[in-house]
């Protein structure tokens, strides 16, 4: 733990802010957390420092997928005024992750001191890492909407099933109606073959363009892969399974994702916390209501 903390402190002089990416889905059961974990690991394999924050309230999916139990949680950081390096757990391949905690709803009832500490530590995280990946809960709540809207960009996960596509569209519609400029990517998961995946992506892109006059960029298509259920049972990321087709593909997706980003990483961007404060203070929750954040 001390070595990890020392390394994190040594990197805090990073000039650019971490890119904050919200990974979300319109419904549960589409493999969102598994994608978030393996995408984060893929970025790490490409030399990026990554912090994965589990915001799937009370579920602990990242811990389950990694076969570990976090000693501390995101909520405990606020309650006990801990530093980000005190709660960040070391995962495989250099990944750091933070568990949500069973009482994540307490986060949204912070007092002023708690809010200030959260702001301070998240801003530290933005200087400690290249990427902060937010594994959002399925669907949309008043509070989670703020996190997605404040992110630098979002990745929406859908499967090829009509219900999953409909729920993904509803999520995209809500977010685009609140922030038309937020870059959004689409990842089609569990496609039986390339054709099914491409058809699903084309339909989603067409609907978004036709009805929202917006664009969503296809990040990629992950196939149905028999190695993934095995990796979940083994509690080993599928990206590290040599026989996993999805593992090889997600590495390439991460490489493609980084290509246009390299030119912009040195640019100064408004901090995630600054945007989140603006959204929540302005009533940017899903129901247009103010929250305690920033009061």
C-alpha atoms as a PDB file:
ATOM      1  CA  UNK A   1       0.000   0.000   0.000  1.00  0.00           C
ATOM      2  CA  UNK A   2       2.878   2.393   0.848  1.00  0.00           C
ATOM      3  CA  UNK A   3       4.608   1.732  -2.495  1.00  0.00           C
ATOM      4  CA  UNK A   4       1.334   2.348  -4.300  1.00  0.00           C
ATOM      5  CA  UNK A   5       0.760   5.613  -2.422  1.00  0.00           C
ATOM      6  CA  UNK A   6       4.292   6.784  -3.184  1.00  0.00           C
ATOM      7  CA  UNK A   7       3.864   6.111  -6.883  1.00  0.00           C
ATOM      8  CA  UNK A   8       0.577   7.979  -6.933  1.00  0.00           C
ATOM      9  CA  UNK A   9       2.037  10.980  -5.138  1.00  0.00           C
ATOM     10  CA  UNK A  10       4.978  11.017  -7.538  1.00  0.00           C
ATOM     11  CA  UNK A  11       2.611  11.301 -10.490  1.00  0.00           C
ATOM     12  CA  UNK A  12       0.502  14.129  -9.085  1.00  0.00           C
ATOM     13  CA  UNK A  13       2.578  16.685 -10.975  1.00  0.00           C
ATOM     14  CA  UNK A  14       0.916  15.458 -14.194  1.00  0.00           C
ATOM     15  CA  UNK A  15       0.229  18.540 -16.319  1.00  0.00           C
ATOM     16  CA  UNK A  16      -2.942  17.422 -18.063  1.00  0.00           C
ATOM     17  CA  UNK A  17      -6.176  16.313 -16.438  1.00  0.00           C
ATOM     18  CA  UNK A  18      -7.340  12.741 -16.701  1.00  0.00           C
ATOM     19  CA  UNK A  19      -9.952  12.097 -19.340  1.00  0.00           C
ATOM     20  CA  UNK A  20     -13.162  11.100 -17.559  1.00  0.00           C
ATOM     21  CA  UNK A  21     -15.234   8.484 -19.383  1.00  0.00           C
ATOM     22  CA  UNK A  22     -18.673   7.331 -18.220  1.00  0.00           C
ATOM     23  CA  UNK A  23     -19.613   3.807 -19.306  1.00  0.00           C
ATOM     24  CA  UNK A  24     -23.377   3.369 -19.144  1.00  0.00           C
ATOM     25  CA  UNK A  25     -26.261   1.247 -20.391  1.00  0.00           C
ATOM     26  CA  UNK A  26     -30.003   1.640 -20.640  1.00  0.00           C
ATOM     27  CA  UNK A  27     -30.669  -1.626 -18.820  1.00  0.00           C
ATOM     28  CA  UNK A  28     -28.874  -4.211 -16.745  1.00  0.00           C
ATOM     29  CA  UNK A  29     -27.568  -7.528 -17.972  1.00  0.00           C
ATOM     30  CA  UNK A  30     -25.739  -6.246 -21.057  1.00  0.00           C
ATOM     31  CA  UNK A  31     -22.213  -6.854 -19.744  1.00  0.00           C
ATOM     32  CA  UNK A  32     -21.479  -3.206 -18.936  1.00  0.00           C
ATOM     33  CA  UNK A  33     -19.255  -3.752 -15.900  1.00  0.00           C
ATOM     34  CA  UNK A  34     -17.316  -6.499 -17.659  1.00  0.00           C
ATOM     35  CA  UNK A  35     -16.732  -4.190 -20.620  1.00  0.00           C
ATOM     36  CA  UNK A  36     -15.731  -1.329 -18.293  1.00  0.00           C
ATOM     37  CA  UNK A  37     -13.197  -3.532 -16.510  1.00  0.00           C
ATOM     38  CA  UNK A  38     -11.642  -5.032 -19.619  1.00  0.00           C
ATOM     39  CA  UNK A  39     -11.621  -1.730 -21.518  1.00  0.00           C
ATOM     40  CA  UNK A  40      -9.791  -0.162 -18.556  1.00  0.00           C
ATOM     41  CA  UNK A  41      -7.274  -3.002 -18.592  1.00  0.00           C
ATOM     42  CA  UNK A  42      -6.809  -2.591 -22.347  1.00  0.00           C
ATOM     43  CA  UNK A  43      -5.952   1.084 -21.859  1.00  0.00           C
ATOM     44  CA  UNK A  44      -3.473   0.054 -19.177  1.00  0.00           C
ATOM     45  CA  UNK A  45      -1.802  -2.421 -21.513  1.00  0.00           C
ATOM     46  CA  UNK A  46      -1.311   0.497 -23.903  1.00  0.00           C
ATOM     47  CA  UNK A  47       0.652   2.397 -21.292  1.00  0.00           C
ATOM     48  CA  UNK A  48      -2.106   4.534 -19.786  1.00  0.00           C
ATOM     49  CA  UNK A  49      -2.652   4.897 -16.049  1.00  0.00           C
ATOM     50  CA  UNK A  50      -6.285   4.132 -15.290  1.00  0.00           C
ATOM     51  CA  UNK A  51      -8.567   4.523 -12.280  1.00  0.00           C
ATOM     52  CA  UNK A  52     -11.828   2.584 -12.546  1.00  0.00           C
ATOM     53  CA  UNK A  53     -14.563   3.789 -10.185  1.00  0.00           C
ATOM     54  CA  UNK A  54     -17.496   1.471  -9.558  1.00  0.00           C
ATOM     55  CA  UNK A  55     -20.596   3.667  -9.341  1.00  0.00           C
ATOM     56  CA  UNK A  56     -23.040   0.787  -9.758  1.00  0.00           C
ATOM     57  CA  UNK A  57     -24.590   1.450  -6.377  1.00  0.00           C
ATOM     58  CA  UNK A  58     -24.309  -1.386  -3.898  1.00  0.00           C
ATOM     59  CA  UNK A  59     -23.608  -4.018  -6.557  1.00  0.00           C
ATOM     60  CA  UNK A  60     -19.830  -4.427  -6.288  1.00  0.00           C
ATOM     61  CA  UNK A  61     -19.557  -5.930  -9.766  1.00  0.00           C
ATOM     62  CA  UNK A  62     -15.938  -4.918 -10.294  1.00  0.00           C
ATOM     63  CA  UNK A  63     -14.898  -6.658  -7.089  1.00  0.00           C
ATOM     64  CA  UNK A  64     -16.783  -9.796  -8.113  1.00  0.00           C
ATOM     65  CA  UNK A  65     -15.262  -9.828 -11.592  1.00  0.00           C
ATOM     66  CA  UNK A  66     -11.775  -9.487 -10.109  1.00  0.00           C
ATOM     67  CA  UNK A  67     -12.368 -11.994  -7.329  1.00  0.00           C
ATOM     68  CA  UNK A  68     -11.340  -9.555  -4.642  1.00  0.00           C
ATOM     69  CA  UNK A  69     -12.835  -7.577  -1.791  1.00  0.00           C
ATOM     70  CA  UNK A  70     -11.981  -3.895  -1.495  1.00  0.00           C
ATOM     71  CA  UNK A  71     -10.750  -2.825   1.918  1.00  0.00           C
ATOM     72  CA  UNK A  72     -12.280   0.632   1.583  1.00  0.00           C
ATOM     73  CA  UNK A  73     -14.877   2.298  -0.598  1.00  0.00           C
ATOM     74  CA  UNK A  74     -15.743   5.549  -2.315  1.00  0.00           C
ATOM     75  CA  UNK A  75     -18.226   6.325   0.455  1.00  0.00           C
ATOM     76  CA  UNK A  76     -15.629   5.731   3.176  1.00  0.00           C
ATOM     77  CA  UNK A  77     -13.323   8.230   1.493  1.00  0.00           C
ATOM     78  CA  UNK A  78     -15.971  10.892   2.085  1.00  0.00           C
ATOM     79  CA  UNK A  79     -17.034   9.806   5.563  1.00  0.00           C
ATOM     80  CA  UNK A  80     -13.508   9.338   6.935  1.00  0.00           C
ATOM     81  CA  UNK A  81     -11.801  12.109   4.919  1.00  0.00           C
ATOM     82  CA  UNK A  82      -9.367   9.671   3.289  1.00  0.00           C
ATOM     83  CA  UNK A  83      -7.043  10.455   0.390  1.00  0.00           C
ATOM     84  CA  UNK A  84      -7.699   8.934  -3.008  1.00  0.00           C
ATOM     85  CA  UNK A  85      -4.526   6.814  -2.746  1.00  0.00           C
ATOM     86  CA  UNK A  86      -5.770   5.354   0.533  1.00  0.00           C
ATOM     87  CA  UNK A  87      -8.841   3.809  -1.072  1.00  0.00           C
ATOM     88  CA  UNK A  88      -7.600   2.978  -4.577  1.00  0.00           C
ATOM     89  CA  UNK A  89      -7.114  -0.787  -4.811  1.00  0.00           C
ATOM     90  CA  UNK A  90      -4.417  -2.317  -6.997  1.00  0.00           C
ATOM     91  CA  UNK A  91      -5.814  -4.592  -9.705  1.00  0.00           C
ATOM     92  CA  UNK A  92      -4.162  -6.567 -12.510  1.00  0.00           C
ATOM     93  CA  UNK A  93      -1.871  -4.962 -15.094  1.00  0.00           C
ATOM     94  CA  UNK A  94      -1.427  -1.756 -13.116  1.00  0.00           C
ATOM     95  CA  UNK A  95      -5.134  -0.964 -12.900  1.00  0.00           C
ATOM     96  CA  UNK A  96      -6.417   0.887  -9.855  1.00  0.00           C
ATOM     97  CA  UNK A  97     -10.068   0.665  -8.890  1.00  0.00           C
ATOM     98  CA  UNK A  98     -12.396   2.071  -6.260  1.00  0.00           C
ATOM     99  CA  UNK A  99     -15.408   0.186  -4.946  1.00  0.00           C
ATOM    100  CA  UNK A 100     -18.708   2.025  -4.648  1.00  0.00           C
ATOM    101  CA  UNK A 101     -19.659   0.727  -1.237  1.00  0.00           C
ATOM    102  CA  UNK A 102     -22.941  -0.729  -0.054  1.00  0.00           C
ATOM    103  CA  UNK A 103     -24.268   2.618   1.171  1.00  0.00           C
ATOM    104  CA  UNK A 104     -23.498   4.692  -1.899  1.00  0.00           C
ATOM    105  CA  UNK A 105     -26.751   6.593  -1.461  1.00  0.00           C
ATOM    106  CA  UNK A 106     -25.073   8.281   1.516  1.00  0.00           C
ATOM    107  CA  UNK A 107     -22.756   9.972  -0.960  1.00  0.00           C
ATOM    108  CA  UNK A 108     -25.619  12.064  -2.280  1.00  0.00           C
ATOM    109  CA  UNK A 109     -26.455  13.298   1.224  1.00  0.00           C
ATOM    110  CA  UNK A 110     -23.052  14.808   1.932  1.00  0.00           C
ATOM    111  CA  UNK A 111     -22.682  17.865   4.111  1.00  0.00           C
ATOM    112  CA  UNK A 112     -20.604  20.825   2.942  1.00  0.00           C
ATOM    113  CA  UNK A 113     -17.390  19.417   4.395  1.00  0.00           C
ATOM    114  CA  UNK A 114     -17.991  16.120   2.618  1.00  0.00           C
ATOM    115  CA  UNK A 115     -18.628  17.907  -0.670  1.00  0.00           C
ATOM    116  CA  UNK A 116     -15.398  19.873  -0.339  1.00  0.00           C
ATOM    117  CA  UNK A 117     -13.424  16.701   0.392  1.00  0.00           C
ATOM    118  CA  UNK A 118     -14.978  14.899  -2.579  1.00  0.00           C
ATOM    119  CA  UNK A 119     -14.066  17.805  -4.866  1.00  0.00           C
ATOM    120  CA  UNK A 120     -10.513  17.877  -3.583  1.00  0.00           C
ATOM    121  CA  UNK A 121      -9.909  14.151  -3.971  1.00  0.00           C
ATOM    122  CA  UNK A 122     -11.527  13.798  -7.378  1.00  0.00           C
ATOM    123  CA  UNK A 123      -9.418  16.686  -8.639  1.00  0.00           C
ATOM    124  CA  UNK A 124      -6.369  14.856  -7.278  1.00  0.00           C
ATOM    125  CA  UNK A 125      -7.455  11.749  -9.162  1.00  0.00           C
ATOM    126  CA  UNK A 126      -7.620  13.777 -12.368  1.00  0.00           C
ATOM    127  CA  UNK A 127      -3.949  14.629 -11.922  1.00  0.00           C
ATOM    128  CA  UNK A 128      -2.846  11.176 -10.824  1.00  0.00           C
ATOM    129  CA  UNK A 129      -4.183   9.251 -13.810  1.00  0.00           C
ATOM    130  CA  UNK A 130      -4.512   9.440 -17.574  1.00  0.00           C
ATOM    131  CA  UNK A 131      -8.065   8.085 -17.491  1.00  0.00           C
ATOM    132  CA  UNK A 132     -10.804   7.931 -14.877  1.00  0.00           C
ATOM    133  CA  UNK A 133     -13.406   5.393 -15.986  1.00  0.00           C
ATOM    134  CA  UNK A 134     -16.832   5.556 -14.333  1.00  0.00           C
ATOM    135  CA  UNK A 135     -18.787   2.297 -14.325  1.00  0.00           C
ATOM    136  CA  UNK A 136     -22.290   3.723 -14.004  1.00  0.00           C
ATOM    137  CA  UNK A 137     -25.313   1.827 -12.744  1.00  0.00           C
ATOM    138  CA  UNK A 138     -27.742   0.559 -15.371  1.00  0.00           C
ATOM    139  CA  UNK A 139     -30.416   3.025 -16.424  1.00  0.00           C
ATOM    140  CA  UNK A 140     -30.538   6.611 -15.201  1.00  0.00           C
ATOM    141  CA  UNK A 141     -31.133   8.321 -11.879  1.00  0.00           C
ATOM    142  CA  UNK A 142     -31.128  11.990 -10.965  1.00  0.00           C
ATOM    143  CA  UNK A 143     -27.654  11.702  -9.502  1.00  0.00           C
ATOM    144  CA  UNK A 144     -26.059   9.436 -12.109  1.00  0.00           C
ATOM    145  CA  UNK A 145     -27.183  11.776 -14.881  1.00  0.00           C
ATOM    146  CA  UNK A 146     -24.880  14.427 -13.451  1.00  0.00           C
ATOM    147  CA  UNK A 147     -21.857  12.131 -13.629  1.00  0.00           C
ATOM    148  CA  UNK A 148     -22.555  11.179 -17.238  1.00  0.00           C
ATOM    149  CA  UNK A 149     -23.198  14.764 -18.327  1.00  0.00           C
ATOM    150  CA  UNK A 150     -20.017  15.998 -16.635  1.00  0.00           C
ATOM    151  CA  UNK A 151     -17.786  13.341 -18.213  1.00  0.00           C
ATOM    152  CA  UNK A 152     -15.517  14.186 -21.123  1.00  0.00           C
ATOM    153  CA  UNK A 153     -17.360  11.519 -23.084  1.00  0.00           C
ATOM    154  CA  UNK A 154     -19.534   8.478 -22.588  1.00  0.00           C
ATOM    155  CA  UNK A 155     -19.639   4.946 -23.942  1.00  0.00           C
ATOM    156  CA  UNK A 156     -23.106   3.423 -24.223  1.00  0.00           C
ATOM    157  CA  UNK A 157     -23.321  -0.373 -24.111  1.00  0.00           C
ATOM    158  CA  UNK A 158     -26.090  -2.258 -25.876  1.00  0.00           C
ATOM    159  CA  UNK A 159     -26.659  -5.795 -27.059  1.00  0.00           C
ATOM    160  CA  UNK A 160     -28.440  -6.735 -30.265  1.00  0.00           C
ATOM    161  CA  UNK A 161     -31.713  -7.401 -28.440  1.00  0.00           C
ATOM    162  CA  UNK A 162     -34.544  -4.944 -29.275  1.00  0.00           C
ATOM    163  CA  UNK A 163     -35.246  -4.182 -25.599  1.00  0.00           C
ATOM    164  CA  UNK A 164     -31.600  -3.364 -24.976  1.00  0.00           C
ATOM    165  CA  UNK A 165     -31.514  -1.122 -28.043  1.00  0.00           C
ATOM    166  CA  UNK A 166     -34.678   0.700 -26.974  1.00  0.00           C
ATOM    167  CA  UNK A 167     -33.330   1.319 -23.484  1.00  0.00           C
ATOM    168  CA  UNK A 168     -29.987   2.467 -24.888  1.00  0.00           C
ATOM    169  CA  UNK A 169     -31.778   4.909 -27.181  1.00  0.00           C
ATOM    170  CA  UNK A 170     -33.810   6.286 -24.262  1.00  0.00           C
ATOM    171  CA  UNK A 171     -30.583   6.895 -22.348  1.00  0.00           C
ATOM    172  CA  UNK A 172     -28.907   8.545 -25.333  1.00  0.00           C
ATOM    173  CA  UNK A 173     -31.965  10.739 -25.890  1.00  0.00           C
ATOM    174  CA  UNK A 174     -31.990  11.961 -22.315  1.00  0.00           C
ATOM    175  CA  UNK A 175     -28.276  12.754 -22.302  1.00  0.00           C
ATOM    176  CA  UNK A 176     -28.289  14.432 -25.721  1.00  0.00           C
ATOM    177  CA  UNK A 177     -31.289  16.550 -24.734  1.00  0.00           C
ATOM    178  CA  UNK A 178     -29.290  17.838 -21.759  1.00  0.00           C
ATOM    179  CA  UNK A 179     -25.894  18.129 -23.449  1.00  0.00           C
ATOM    180  CA  UNK A 180     -25.958  17.881 -27.225  1.00  0.00           C
ATOM    181  CA  UNK A 181     -22.184  18.395 -27.402  1.00  0.00           C
ATOM    182  CA  UNK A 182     -21.202  15.460 -25.189  1.00  0.00           C
ATOM    183  CA  UNK A 183     -19.214  12.991 -27.328  1.00  0.00           C
ATOM    184  CA  UNK A 184     -20.899   9.587 -27.211  1.00  0.00           C
ATOM    185  CA  UNK A 185     -19.644   6.215 -28.362  1.00  0.00           C
ATOM    186  CA  UNK A 186     -21.644   3.061 -28.970  1.00  0.00           C
ATOM    187  CA  UNK A 187     -20.357  -0.406 -28.175  1.00  0.00           C
ATOM    188  CA  UNK A 188     -22.416  -3.367 -29.338  1.00  0.00           C
ATOM    189  CA  UNK A 189     -21.864  -6.347 -27.049  1.00  0.00           C
ATOM    190  CA  UNK A 190     -22.583 -10.054 -27.523  1.00  0.00           C
ATOM    191  CA  UNK A 191     -23.170  -9.950 -31.277  1.00  0.00           C
ATOM    192  CA  UNK A 192     -23.566 -13.397 -32.832  1.00  0.00           C
ATOM    193  CA  UNK A 193     -21.497 -12.288 -35.819  1.00  0.00           C
ATOM    194  CA  UNK A 194     -20.127  -9.131 -37.451  1.00  0.00           C
ATOM    195  CA  UNK A 195     -23.200  -8.666 -39.603  1.00  0.00           C
ATOM    196  CA  UNK A 196     -25.583  -8.682 -36.642  1.00  0.00           C
ATOM    197  CA  UNK A 197     -23.344  -6.245 -34.796  1.00  0.00           C
ATOM    198  CA  UNK A 198     -23.066  -3.892 -37.756  1.00  0.00           C
ATOM    199  CA  UNK A 199     -26.818  -4.000 -38.379  1.00  0.00           C
ATOM    200  CA  UNK A 200     -27.476  -3.127 -34.737  1.00  0.00           C
ATOM    201  CA  UNK A 201     -24.998  -0.257 -34.841  1.00  0.00           C
ATOM    202  CA  UNK A 202     -26.421   1.062 -38.109  1.00  0.00           C
ATOM    203  CA  UNK A 203     -29.963   1.025 -36.726  1.00  0.00           C
ATOM    204  CA  UNK A 204     -28.905   2.818 -33.553  1.00  0.00           C
ATOM    205  CA  UNK A 205     -26.948   5.462 -35.458  1.00  0.00           C
ATOM    206  CA  UNK A 206     -29.846   6.015 -37.864  1.00  0.00           C
ATOM    207  CA  UNK A 207     -32.419   6.431 -35.088  1.00  0.00           C
ATOM    208  CA  UNK A 208     -30.185   8.839 -33.166  1.00  0.00           C
ATOM    209  CA  UNK A 209     -29.536  10.884 -36.302  1.00  0.00           C
ATOM    210  CA  UNK A 210     -33.170  10.904 -37.448  1.00  0.00           C
ATOM    211  CA  UNK A 211     -34.915  11.679 -34.185  1.00  0.00           C
ATOM    212  CA  UNK A 212     -32.242  13.521 -32.204  1.00  0.00           C
ATOM    213  CA  UNK A 213     -30.256  15.103 -35.044  1.00  0.00           C
ATOM    214  CA  UNK A 214     -27.203  13.866 -33.191  1.00  0.00           C
ATOM    215  CA  UNK A 215     -24.270  11.602 -33.826  1.00  0.00           C
ATOM    216  CA  UNK A 216     -23.043   8.603 -31.917  1.00  0.00           C
ATOM    217  CA  UNK A 217     -19.746   7.072 -32.969  1.00  0.00           C
ATOM    218  CA  UNK A 218     -19.382   3.300 -33.166  1.00  0.00           C
ATOM    219  CA  UNK A 219     -16.527   2.317 -30.870  1.00  0.00           C
ATOM    220  CA  UNK A 220     -16.770  -1.311 -31.864  1.00  0.00           C
ATOM    221  CA  UNK A 221     -18.515  -4.669 -31.716  1.00  0.00           C
ATOM    222  CA  UNK A 222     -17.731  -7.430 -29.245  1.00  0.00           C
ATOM    223  CA  UNK A 223     -18.816 -10.935 -30.241  1.00  0.00           C
ATOM    224  CA  UNK A 224     -20.647 -13.528 -28.214  1.00  0.00           C
ATOM    225  CA  UNK A 225     -17.690 -15.344 -26.701  1.00  0.00           C
ATOM    226  CA  UNK A 226     -17.900 -18.619 -24.808  1.00  0.00           C
ATOM    227  CA  UNK A 227     -14.713 -17.689 -22.967  1.00  0.00           C
ATOM    228  CA  UNK A 228     -16.430 -14.772 -21.203  1.00  0.00           C
ATOM    229  CA  UNK A 229     -18.755 -16.851 -18.969  1.00  0.00           C
ATOM    230  CA  UNK A 230     -15.732 -18.984 -18.120  1.00  0.00           C
ATOM    231  CA  UNK A 231     -13.667 -15.926 -17.225  1.00  0.00           C
ATOM    232  CA  UNK A 232     -16.478 -14.604 -15.013  1.00  0.00           C
ATOM    233  CA  UNK A 233     -16.635 -17.911 -13.140  1.00  0.00           C
ATOM    234  CA  UNK A 234     -12.846 -17.910 -12.808  1.00  0.00           C
ATOM    235  CA  UNK A 235     -12.968 -14.225 -11.764  1.00  0.00           C
ATOM    236  CA  UNK A 236     -10.284 -13.491 -14.318  1.00  0.00           C
ATOM    237  CA  UNK A 237     -10.692 -10.667 -16.916  1.00  0.00           C
ATOM    238  CA  UNK A 238     -11.415 -12.053 -20.369  1.00  0.00           C
ATOM    239  CA  UNK A 239      -8.762  -9.775 -21.882  1.00  0.00           C
ATOM    240  CA  UNK A 240      -6.171 -12.047 -20.262  1.00  0.00           C
ATOM    241  CA  UNK A 241      -7.693 -15.221 -21.704  1.00  0.00           C
ATOM    242  CA  UNK A 242      -5.638 -16.222 -24.751  1.00  0.00           C
ATOM    243  CA  UNK A 243      -8.583 -17.987 -26.389  1.00  0.00           C
ATOM    244  CA  UNK A 244     -10.984 -15.065 -25.958  1.00  0.00           C
ATOM    245  CA  UNK A 245     -11.937 -13.420 -29.250  1.00  0.00           C
ATOM    246  CA  UNK A 246     -13.531 -10.555 -27.348  1.00  0.00           C
ATOM    247  CA  UNK A 247     -10.283 -10.056 -25.437  1.00  0.00           C
ATOM    248  CA  UNK A 248      -8.291  -9.561 -28.632  1.00  0.00           C
ATOM    249  CA  UNK A 249     -10.940  -7.244 -30.057  1.00  0.00           C
ATOM    250  CA  UNK A 250     -11.225  -5.015 -26.997  1.00  0.00           C
ATOM    251  CA  UNK A 251      -7.463  -4.452 -27.118  1.00  0.00           C
ATOM    252  CA  UNK A 252      -7.841  -3.181 -30.678  1.00  0.00           C
ATOM    253  CA  UNK A 253     -10.869  -1.072 -29.749  1.00  0.00           C
ATOM    254  CA  UNK A 254      -8.841   0.622 -27.021  1.00  0.00           C
ATOM    255  CA  UNK A 255      -5.988   1.286 -29.444  1.00  0.00           C
ATOM    256  CA  UNK A 256      -8.398   2.799 -31.969  1.00  0.00           C
ATOM    257  CA  UNK A 257     -10.038   4.843 -29.222  1.00  0.00           C
ATOM    258  CA  UNK A 258      -6.714   6.386 -28.239  1.00  0.00           C
ATOM    259  CA  UNK A 259      -5.660   7.469 -31.725  1.00  0.00           C
ATOM    260  CA  UNK A 260      -7.588  10.763 -31.933  1.00  0.00           C
ATOM    261  CA  UNK A 261      -7.033  11.397 -28.229  1.00  0.00           C
ATOM    262  CA  UNK A 262      -3.253  11.689 -28.339  1.00  0.00           C
ATOM    263  CA  UNK A 263      -3.421  15.127 -29.974  1.00  0.00           C
ATOM    264  CA  UNK A 264      -5.721  16.575 -27.306  1.00  0.00           C
ATOM    265  CA  UNK A 265      -4.275  15.215 -24.066  1.00  0.00           C
ATOM    266  CA  UNK A 266      -2.033  18.252 -23.588  1.00  0.00           C
ATOM    267  CA  UNK A 267      -4.902  20.710 -23.886  1.00  0.00           C
ATOM    268  CA  UNK A 268      -6.310  22.291 -20.758  1.00  0.00           C
ATOM    269  CA  UNK A 269      -9.889  21.183 -20.151  1.00  0.00           C
ATOM    270  CA  UNK A 270     -12.442  22.233 -17.589  1.00  0.00           C
ATOM    271  CA  UNK A 271     -12.286  19.788 -14.707  1.00  0.00           C
ATOM    272  CA  UNK A 272     -14.895  17.094 -14.264  1.00  0.00           C
ATOM    273  CA  UNK A 273     -15.688  18.509 -10.830  1.00  0.00           C
ATOM    274  CA  UNK A 274     -16.238  21.978 -12.258  1.00  0.00           C
ATOM    275  CA  UNK A 275     -18.723  20.640 -14.779  1.00  0.00           C
ATOM    276  CA  UNK A 276     -20.455  18.469 -12.185  1.00  0.00           C
ATOM    277  CA  UNK A 277     -20.922  21.445  -9.880  1.00  0.00           C
ATOM    278  CA  UNK A 278     -22.365  23.510 -12.721  1.00  0.00           C
ATOM    279  CA  UNK A 279     -24.775  20.724 -13.672  1.00  0.00           C
ATOM    280  CA  UNK A 280     -26.034  19.989 -10.178  1.00  0.00           C
ATOM    281  CA  UNK A 281     -26.165  23.586  -9.000  1.00  0.00           C
ATOM    282  CA  UNK A 282     -28.161  24.427 -12.104  1.00  0.00           C
ATOM    283  CA  UNK A 283     -30.652  21.636 -11.519  1.00  0.00           C
ATOM    284  CA  UNK A 284     -28.977  19.288 -13.969  1.00  0.00           C
ATOM    285  CA  UNK A 285     -30.272  16.090 -12.440  1.00  0.00           C
ATOM    286  CA  UNK A 286     -32.481  13.739 -14.378  1.00  0.00           C
ATOM    287  CA  UNK A 287     -35.597  15.442 -13.017  1.00  0.00           C
ATOM    288  CA  UNK A 288     -34.215  18.952 -13.298  1.00  0.00           C
ATOM    289  CA  UNK A 289     -33.880  19.241  -9.521  1.00  0.00           C
ATOM    290  CA  UNK A 290     -31.025  20.597  -7.485  1.00  0.00           C
ATOM    291  CA  UNK A 291     -29.152  18.118  -5.325  1.00  0.00           C
ATOM    292  CA  UNK A 292     -27.118  18.716  -2.198  1.00  0.00           C
ATOM    293  CA  UNK A 293     -23.940  18.819  -4.259  1.00  0.00           C
ATOM    294  CA  UNK A 294     -22.594  22.367  -4.278  1.00  0.00           C
ATOM    295  CA  UNK A 295     -25.246  23.808  -1.976  1.00  0.00           C
END
